[in-house]
N, C-alpha and C. Protein backbone atom coordinates (compact mmCIF):
# COMPACT_ATOMS: atom_id res chain seq x y z
N MET A 1 99.61 104.11 104.91
CA MET A 1 99.57 104.48 106.29
C MET A 1 101.01 104.55 106.79
N GLN A 2 101.35 105.65 107.42
CA GLN A 2 102.70 105.84 107.95
C GLN A 2 102.59 106.47 109.33
N SER A 3 103.58 106.21 110.15
CA SER A 3 103.62 106.82 111.47
C SER A 3 105.07 107.00 111.88
N ALA A 4 105.32 108.00 112.70
CA ALA A 4 106.66 108.25 113.21
C ALA A 4 106.55 108.78 114.63
N LEU A 5 107.53 108.43 115.44
CA LEU A 5 107.61 108.96 116.80
C LEU A 5 109.02 109.51 116.95
N TYR A 6 109.12 110.78 117.24
CA TYR A 6 110.41 111.42 117.46
C TYR A 6 110.51 111.82 118.92
N TYR A 7 111.70 111.77 119.47
CA TYR A 7 111.89 112.23 120.83
C TYR A 7 113.21 112.98 120.91
N ARG A 8 113.30 113.85 121.90
CA ARG A 8 114.52 114.64 122.11
C ARG A 8 114.87 114.54 123.59
N GLN A 9 116.02 113.97 123.86
CA GLN A 9 116.48 113.84 125.24
C GLN A 9 116.98 115.17 125.77
N ASN A 10 116.75 115.39 127.05
CA ASN A 10 117.28 116.57 127.72
C ASN A 10 116.92 117.85 126.98
N ALA A 11 115.71 117.90 126.46
CA ALA A 11 115.27 119.07 125.69
C ALA A 11 114.99 120.24 126.63
N PRO A 12 115.31 121.45 126.20
CA PRO A 12 114.94 122.62 126.99
C PRO A 12 113.43 122.81 126.92
N SER A 13 112.89 123.52 127.87
CA SER A 13 111.47 123.83 127.85
C SER A 13 111.17 124.65 126.59
N MET A 14 110.09 124.32 125.89
CA MET A 14 109.76 125.00 124.64
C MET A 14 108.34 125.53 124.69
N THR A 15 108.10 126.60 123.96
CA THR A 15 106.76 127.14 123.87
C THR A 15 106.11 126.85 122.52
N SER A 16 106.91 126.39 121.54
CA SER A 16 106.34 126.03 120.24
C SER A 16 107.21 124.97 119.57
N VAL A 17 106.58 124.22 118.68
CA VAL A 17 107.26 123.19 117.90
C VAL A 17 106.82 123.37 116.46
N SER A 18 107.75 123.30 115.52
CA SER A 18 107.41 123.44 114.10
C SER A 18 107.46 122.09 113.41
N PHE A 19 106.57 121.90 112.46
CA PHE A 19 106.50 120.66 111.70
C PHE A 19 106.25 121.03 110.25
N LYS A 20 107.03 120.44 109.34
CA LYS A 20 106.84 120.70 107.91
C LYS A 20 106.61 119.37 107.21
N SER A 21 105.49 119.26 106.53
CA SER A 21 105.16 118.04 105.80
C SER A 21 105.83 118.04 104.43
N LEU A 22 106.40 116.91 104.06
CA LEU A 22 106.97 116.77 102.73
C LEU A 22 105.93 116.27 101.74
N ASP A 23 104.77 115.92 102.22
CA ASP A 23 103.70 115.39 101.38
C ASP A 23 102.42 116.15 101.72
N ALA A 24 102.37 117.40 101.32
CA ALA A 24 101.33 118.33 101.76
C ALA A 24 99.94 117.98 101.24
N ASP A 25 99.81 117.06 100.27
CA ASP A 25 98.49 116.76 99.75
C ASP A 25 97.82 115.58 100.46
N LYS A 26 98.34 115.18 101.59
CA LYS A 26 97.76 114.09 102.37
C LYS A 26 97.25 114.60 103.71
N SER A 27 96.14 114.03 104.16
CA SER A 27 95.68 114.41 105.50
C SER A 27 96.54 113.66 106.52
N MET A 28 96.83 114.32 107.63
CA MET A 28 97.71 113.71 108.63
C MET A 28 97.32 114.18 110.02
N GLN A 29 97.90 113.50 110.99
CA GLN A 29 97.70 113.85 112.39
C GLN A 29 99.07 114.06 113.02
N VAL A 30 99.19 115.11 113.81
CA VAL A 30 100.45 115.40 114.50
C VAL A 30 100.11 115.65 115.97
N ARG A 31 100.85 115.03 116.86
CA ARG A 31 100.69 115.24 118.30
C ARG A 31 102.06 115.54 118.89
N ALA A 32 102.14 116.60 119.66
CA ALA A 32 103.37 116.92 120.40
C ALA A 32 103.07 116.71 121.88
N MET A 33 103.90 115.91 122.52
CA MET A 33 103.70 115.62 123.94
C MET A 33 105.02 115.88 124.67
N GLU A 34 104.92 116.43 125.86
CA GLU A 34 106.12 116.74 126.65
C GLU A 34 106.01 116.03 127.99
N TYR A 35 107.08 115.35 128.35
CA TYR A 35 107.13 114.64 129.63
C TYR A 35 108.34 115.10 130.42
N SER A 36 108.19 115.20 131.72
CA SER A 36 109.34 115.46 132.59
C SER A 36 109.64 114.18 133.35
N GLY A 37 110.83 114.08 133.90
CA GLY A 37 111.21 112.92 134.69
C GLY A 37 111.83 111.79 133.90
N VAL A 38 112.03 111.98 132.60
CA VAL A 38 112.67 110.95 131.77
C VAL A 38 114.18 111.15 131.85
N ALA A 39 114.93 110.06 131.75
CA ALA A 39 116.39 110.14 131.81
C ALA A 39 116.91 111.15 130.79
N GLN A 40 117.96 111.85 131.14
CA GLN A 40 118.51 112.88 130.26
C GLN A 40 119.46 112.33 129.21
N SER A 41 119.89 111.09 129.37
CA SER A 41 120.70 110.43 128.34
C SER A 41 120.35 108.95 128.34
N ASN A 42 120.55 108.30 127.21
CA ASN A 42 120.26 106.88 127.07
C ASN A 42 118.83 106.55 127.54
N ALA A 43 117.88 107.39 127.19
CA ALA A 43 116.50 107.26 127.69
C ALA A 43 115.73 106.12 127.03
N LEU A 44 115.89 105.91 125.74
CA LEU A 44 115.11 104.90 125.04
C LEU A 44 115.50 103.51 125.52
N ASP A 45 114.50 102.75 125.98
CA ASP A 45 114.77 101.40 126.49
C ASP A 45 114.27 100.33 125.54
N ARG A 46 112.98 100.30 125.24
CA ARG A 46 112.40 99.23 124.43
C ARG A 46 111.53 99.80 123.31
N VAL A 47 111.51 99.11 122.16
CA VAL A 47 110.65 99.47 121.03
C VAL A 47 110.11 98.18 120.44
N ASN A 48 108.83 98.17 120.13
CA ASN A 48 108.23 97.02 119.45
C ASN A 48 107.21 97.54 118.46
N ILE A 49 107.27 97.03 117.22
CA ILE A 49 106.38 97.49 116.14
C ILE A 49 105.74 96.27 115.48
N GLU A 50 104.45 96.35 115.27
CA GLU A 50 103.71 95.28 114.59
C GLU A 50 102.80 95.89 113.54
N SER A 51 102.45 95.13 112.51
CA SER A 51 101.45 95.57 111.54
C SER A 51 100.84 94.34 110.87
N SER A 52 99.60 94.50 110.41
CA SER A 52 98.91 93.39 109.75
C SER A 52 97.61 93.91 109.16
N ASP A 53 96.76 93.00 108.78
CA ASP A 53 95.43 93.28 108.26
C ASP A 53 94.48 92.32 108.96
N SER A 54 93.78 92.80 110.00
CA SER A 54 92.91 91.94 110.79
C SER A 54 92.03 92.80 111.69
N GLU A 55 91.30 92.17 112.59
CA GLU A 55 90.48 92.89 113.56
C GLU A 55 91.19 93.06 114.89
N GLY A 56 92.46 92.63 115.01
CA GLY A 56 93.13 92.61 116.31
C GLY A 56 94.47 93.32 116.36
N PRO A 57 94.49 94.64 116.30
CA PRO A 57 95.76 95.35 116.40
C PRO A 57 96.44 95.11 117.75
N HIS A 58 97.76 95.09 117.73
CA HIS A 58 98.52 94.90 118.96
C HIS A 58 99.96 95.37 118.75
N THR A 59 100.65 95.53 119.85
CA THR A 59 102.05 95.94 119.77
C THR A 59 103.01 94.79 120.06
N SER A 60 102.52 93.70 120.59
CA SER A 60 103.32 92.63 121.18
C SER A 60 104.04 93.16 122.41
N ARG A 61 104.61 92.29 123.18
CA ARG A 61 105.23 92.69 124.45
C ARG A 61 106.59 93.32 124.23
N THR A 62 106.93 94.26 125.11
CA THR A 62 108.20 94.98 125.01
C THR A 62 109.40 94.14 125.42
N GLY A 63 109.19 93.10 126.19
CA GLY A 63 110.30 92.45 126.88
C GLY A 63 110.51 93.22 128.18
N THR A 64 111.24 92.65 129.09
CA THR A 64 111.40 93.25 130.42
C THR A 64 112.13 94.59 130.34
N THR A 65 111.54 95.60 130.97
CA THR A 65 112.14 96.93 130.97
C THR A 65 113.38 96.96 131.86
N ALA A 66 114.23 97.93 131.63
CA ALA A 66 115.51 98.02 132.34
C ALA A 66 115.35 98.44 133.79
N GLN A 67 114.30 99.18 134.10
CA GLN A 67 114.13 99.67 135.46
C GLN A 67 112.65 99.87 135.77
N ALA A 68 112.36 100.18 137.01
CA ALA A 68 110.97 100.28 137.46
C ALA A 68 110.28 101.56 137.01
N ASP A 69 110.96 102.68 137.04
CA ASP A 69 110.30 103.96 136.72
C ASP A 69 110.50 104.31 135.24
N GLU A 70 109.59 103.82 134.40
CA GLU A 70 109.69 104.08 132.97
C GLU A 70 108.39 104.68 132.44
N LEU A 71 108.53 105.46 131.38
CA LEU A 71 107.40 106.00 130.63
C LEU A 71 107.12 105.02 129.50
N VAL A 72 105.88 104.58 129.38
CA VAL A 72 105.46 103.65 128.32
C VAL A 72 104.47 104.38 127.42
N ILE A 73 104.71 104.40 126.12
CA ILE A 73 103.81 105.02 125.15
C ILE A 73 103.45 103.97 124.11
N GLY A 74 102.14 103.77 123.90
CA GLY A 74 101.65 102.83 122.90
C GLY A 74 100.75 103.54 121.91
N VAL A 75 100.84 103.15 120.63
CA VAL A 75 100.05 103.78 119.57
C VAL A 75 99.44 102.68 118.70
N ILE A 76 98.15 102.82 118.40
CA ILE A 76 97.46 101.94 117.45
C ILE A 76 96.87 102.83 116.36
N ILE A 77 97.15 102.48 115.10
CA ILE A 77 96.64 103.23 113.95
C ILE A 77 95.99 102.24 113.00
N ASN A 78 94.82 102.59 112.45
CA ASN A 78 94.21 101.74 111.43
C ASN A 78 93.74 102.57 110.25
N GLN A 79 93.71 101.93 109.10
CA GLN A 79 93.20 102.55 107.88
C GLN A 79 91.68 102.64 107.99
N TYR A 80 91.09 103.61 107.33
CA TYR A 80 89.66 103.91 107.34
C TYR A 80 89.29 104.58 108.67
N ALA A 81 89.06 105.87 108.60
CA ALA A 81 88.75 106.65 109.80
C ALA A 81 87.44 106.21 110.46
N SER A 82 86.52 105.65 109.69
CA SER A 82 85.22 105.25 110.25
C SER A 82 85.30 103.97 111.09
N THR A 83 86.39 103.23 111.00
CA THR A 83 86.55 102.00 111.77
C THR A 83 86.84 102.35 113.22
N THR A 84 86.09 101.76 114.13
CA THR A 84 86.28 102.07 115.55
C THR A 84 87.24 101.10 116.21
N GLN A 85 87.95 101.59 117.21
CA GLN A 85 88.84 100.80 118.06
C GLN A 85 88.16 100.66 119.42
N TYR A 86 88.20 99.46 119.99
CA TYR A 86 87.56 99.26 121.30
C TYR A 86 88.23 98.09 122.02
N GLY A 87 87.89 97.91 123.29
CA GLY A 87 88.36 96.77 124.06
C GLY A 87 89.86 96.77 124.32
N PHE A 88 90.41 97.91 124.65
CA PHE A 88 91.86 98.03 124.86
C PHE A 88 92.29 97.24 126.09
N THR A 89 93.44 96.58 125.99
CA THR A 89 94.06 95.91 127.13
C THR A 89 95.53 96.30 127.19
N GLY A 90 96.12 96.13 128.35
CA GLY A 90 97.53 96.43 128.53
C GLY A 90 97.81 97.39 129.66
N GLY A 91 96.75 97.99 130.23
CA GLY A 91 96.93 98.84 131.39
C GLY A 91 97.40 100.26 131.11
N LEU A 92 97.43 100.68 129.85
CA LEU A 92 97.83 102.04 129.53
C LEU A 92 96.59 102.93 129.47
N VAL A 93 96.76 104.22 129.74
CA VAL A 93 95.67 105.19 129.72
C VAL A 93 95.59 105.83 128.34
N ARG A 94 94.38 105.87 127.76
CA ARG A 94 94.22 106.49 126.44
C ARG A 94 94.26 108.00 126.58
N LEU A 95 95.15 108.62 125.83
CA LEU A 95 95.29 110.08 125.80
C LEU A 95 94.51 110.69 124.64
N TYR A 96 94.60 110.07 123.47
CA TYR A 96 93.98 110.61 122.26
C TYR A 96 93.32 109.49 121.48
N ASP A 97 92.21 109.80 120.85
CA ASP A 97 91.57 108.94 119.86
C ASP A 97 91.09 109.88 118.78
N THR A 98 91.82 109.95 117.68
CA THR A 98 91.56 110.95 116.66
C THR A 98 91.54 110.33 115.27
N THR A 99 90.94 111.05 114.33
CA THR A 99 90.97 110.65 112.93
C THR A 99 91.64 111.73 112.12
N SER A 100 92.24 111.32 111.02
CA SER A 100 92.89 112.31 110.14
C SER A 100 91.81 113.15 109.46
N PRO A 101 92.13 114.40 109.17
CA PRO A 101 91.14 115.30 108.56
C PRO A 101 90.66 114.80 107.20
N GLN A 102 89.43 115.12 106.86
CA GLN A 102 88.88 114.69 105.58
C GLN A 102 89.26 115.63 104.45
N LYS A 103 89.46 116.89 104.76
CA LYS A 103 89.74 117.86 103.70
C LYS A 103 91.15 118.43 103.82
N TYR A 104 91.73 118.73 102.68
CA TYR A 104 93.02 119.39 102.60
C TYR A 104 93.08 120.18 101.31
N SER A 105 93.68 121.30 101.33
CA SER A 105 93.91 122.13 100.13
C SER A 105 92.69 122.19 99.20
N GLY A 106 91.49 122.28 99.76
CA GLY A 106 90.30 122.41 98.94
C GLY A 106 89.79 121.11 98.36
N ASP A 107 90.45 119.99 98.63
CA ASP A 107 90.02 118.69 98.11
C ASP A 107 89.54 117.84 99.28
N SER A 108 89.19 116.60 99.01
CA SER A 108 88.66 115.75 100.07
C SER A 108 89.24 114.34 99.97
N ASP A 109 89.58 113.73 101.11
CA ASP A 109 90.06 112.36 101.15
C ASP A 109 88.88 111.41 101.34
N SER A 110 88.92 110.27 100.67
CA SER A 110 87.95 109.22 100.91
C SER A 110 88.27 108.54 102.23
N ASP A 111 87.31 107.81 102.78
CA ASP A 111 87.51 107.15 104.08
C ASP A 111 88.73 106.23 104.06
N TRP A 112 88.94 105.49 102.97
CA TRP A 112 90.07 104.55 102.92
C TRP A 112 91.42 105.27 102.93
N GLU A 113 91.44 106.55 102.59
CA GLU A 113 92.68 107.33 102.60
C GLU A 113 92.96 107.96 103.96
N ARG A 114 92.05 107.80 104.89
CA ARG A 114 92.17 108.41 106.21
C ARG A 114 92.48 107.34 107.24
N SER A 115 92.78 107.77 108.45
CA SER A 115 93.14 106.82 109.49
C SER A 115 92.57 107.23 110.84
N ARG A 116 92.52 106.26 111.75
CA ARG A 116 92.18 106.50 113.15
C ARG A 116 93.43 106.18 113.96
N MET A 117 93.75 107.03 114.92
CA MET A 117 94.93 106.84 115.75
C MET A 117 94.57 107.03 117.22
N SER A 118 95.01 106.10 118.04
CA SER A 118 94.86 106.27 119.49
C SER A 118 96.25 106.18 120.12
N ILE A 119 96.49 107.08 121.07
CA ILE A 119 97.76 107.14 121.79
C ILE A 119 97.48 106.88 123.26
N HIS A 120 98.26 106.01 123.85
CA HIS A 120 98.09 105.59 125.24
C HIS A 120 99.42 105.73 125.97
N HIS A 121 99.37 105.89 127.29
CA HIS A 121 100.63 105.98 128.03
C HIS A 121 100.44 105.50 129.47
N ALA A 122 101.56 105.27 130.12
CA ALA A 122 101.59 104.97 131.56
C ALA A 122 102.97 105.31 132.07
N ILE A 123 103.04 105.77 133.30
CA ILE A 123 104.31 105.92 134.00
C ILE A 123 104.30 104.81 135.04
N VAL A 124 105.12 103.80 134.79
CA VAL A 124 105.05 102.58 135.59
C VAL A 124 106.03 102.64 136.77
N ASN A 125 105.75 101.86 137.79
CA ASN A 125 106.60 101.86 138.98
C ASN A 125 107.14 100.47 139.31
N LYS A 126 107.19 99.61 138.28
CA LYS A 126 107.77 98.28 138.45
C LYS A 126 108.38 97.83 137.13
N VAL A 127 109.39 97.00 137.23
CA VAL A 127 109.98 96.38 136.05
C VAL A 127 108.93 95.46 135.46
N GLY A 128 108.80 95.45 134.14
CA GLY A 128 107.78 94.59 133.54
C GLY A 128 107.91 94.55 132.04
N SER A 129 106.97 93.85 131.43
CA SER A 129 106.86 93.75 129.99
C SER A 129 105.49 94.31 129.62
N TRP A 130 105.44 95.24 128.69
CA TRP A 130 104.21 96.00 128.42
C TRP A 130 103.74 95.77 127.00
N GLU A 131 102.43 95.88 126.80
CA GLU A 131 101.84 95.75 125.46
C GLU A 131 100.54 96.54 125.40
N LEU A 132 100.05 96.75 124.19
CA LEU A 132 98.76 97.40 123.97
C LEU A 132 98.03 96.58 122.91
N THR A 133 96.80 96.21 123.19
CA THR A 133 95.97 95.48 122.23
C THR A 133 94.59 96.11 122.20
N CYS A 134 93.86 95.86 121.11
CA CYS A 134 92.46 96.28 121.03
C CYS A 134 91.76 95.47 119.95
N ARG A 135 90.54 95.82 119.68
CA ARG A 135 89.76 95.21 118.60
C ARG A 135 89.32 96.33 117.65
N LEU A 136 89.11 95.95 116.39
CA LEU A 136 88.55 96.88 115.39
C LEU A 136 87.15 96.42 115.02
N SER A 137 86.32 97.35 114.58
CA SER A 137 84.95 97.02 114.22
C SER A 137 84.87 96.15 112.96
N THR A 138 85.95 96.09 112.19
CA THR A 138 86.03 95.23 111.00
C THR A 138 87.51 95.04 110.64
N ASP A 139 87.81 94.06 109.80
CA ASP A 139 89.20 93.85 109.36
C ASP A 139 89.72 95.09 108.65
N ARG A 140 90.88 95.55 109.04
CA ARG A 140 91.53 96.71 108.42
C ARG A 140 93.04 96.56 108.52
N ARG A 141 93.73 97.29 107.67
CA ARG A 141 95.19 97.41 107.83
C ARG A 141 95.44 98.21 109.09
N TRP A 142 96.45 97.80 109.86
CA TRP A 142 96.75 98.50 111.10
C TRP A 142 98.23 98.41 111.41
N MET A 143 98.67 99.27 112.29
CA MET A 143 100.02 99.16 112.86
C MET A 143 99.92 99.55 114.32
N GLY A 144 100.78 98.95 115.11
CA GLY A 144 100.83 99.26 116.53
C GLY A 144 102.28 99.31 116.96
N TYR A 145 102.61 100.26 117.79
CA TYR A 145 103.96 100.28 118.34
C TYR A 145 103.94 100.75 119.78
N ILE A 146 104.95 100.31 120.50
CA ILE A 146 105.08 100.64 121.90
C ILE A 146 106.54 100.95 122.18
N VAL A 147 106.78 102.00 122.95
CA VAL A 147 108.15 102.39 123.31
C VAL A 147 108.20 102.65 124.81
N THR A 148 109.35 102.38 125.40
CA THR A 148 109.54 102.70 126.81
C THR A 148 110.79 103.56 126.96
N PHE A 149 110.71 104.50 127.87
CA PHE A 149 111.81 105.42 128.16
C PHE A 149 112.16 105.31 129.64
N ARG A 150 113.45 105.23 129.93
CA ARG A 150 113.91 105.15 131.32
C ARG A 150 113.60 106.45 132.06
N GLY A 151 113.22 106.31 133.30
CA GLY A 151 113.04 107.48 134.15
C GLY A 151 114.39 108.00 134.62
N GLY A 152 114.43 109.29 134.96
CA GLY A 152 115.65 109.90 135.46
C GLY A 152 115.71 109.85 136.96
N ALA A 153 116.87 110.12 137.52
CA ALA A 153 117.03 110.14 138.97
C ALA A 153 116.07 111.14 139.59
N GLY A 154 115.35 110.71 140.61
CA GLY A 154 114.43 111.62 141.30
C GLY A 154 113.20 111.96 140.50
N SER A 155 112.86 111.13 139.51
CA SER A 155 111.70 111.45 138.64
C SER A 155 110.38 111.18 139.35
N ARG A 156 110.36 110.51 140.45
CA ARG A 156 109.10 110.20 141.16
C ARG A 156 108.87 111.18 142.26
């Protein structure tokens, strides 16, 4: 199980994004998200990453954010696409709950080779410490991460 989050500060408006996999024989999930109002430089504020094998995925707390107007993005991923995630806490809004595709290049992935991913976010208006937690329907390998980005002047 692998995950990556890329960001580009002060990016121009785009109509398309290209992605090339270096491991084309694996099923994967890709999400492109665009936000306005984030600082144009020095945007990344906090990052926290956790992983384990249990029924309780979490990101742990970010620590106090640098300012009140920040974008918070949290991600929970678990092995086995059939395993459900539920009981989310942390005050973030769920944007996506998806599973990796079962088929690729004419072949098929077993459930243990696939994953479930949920992406959550919030645009907060107070300094704070943020986290994302949930429960899984059974013990599974999981990873969770949370990132915060500073808002830009006049972003509200």
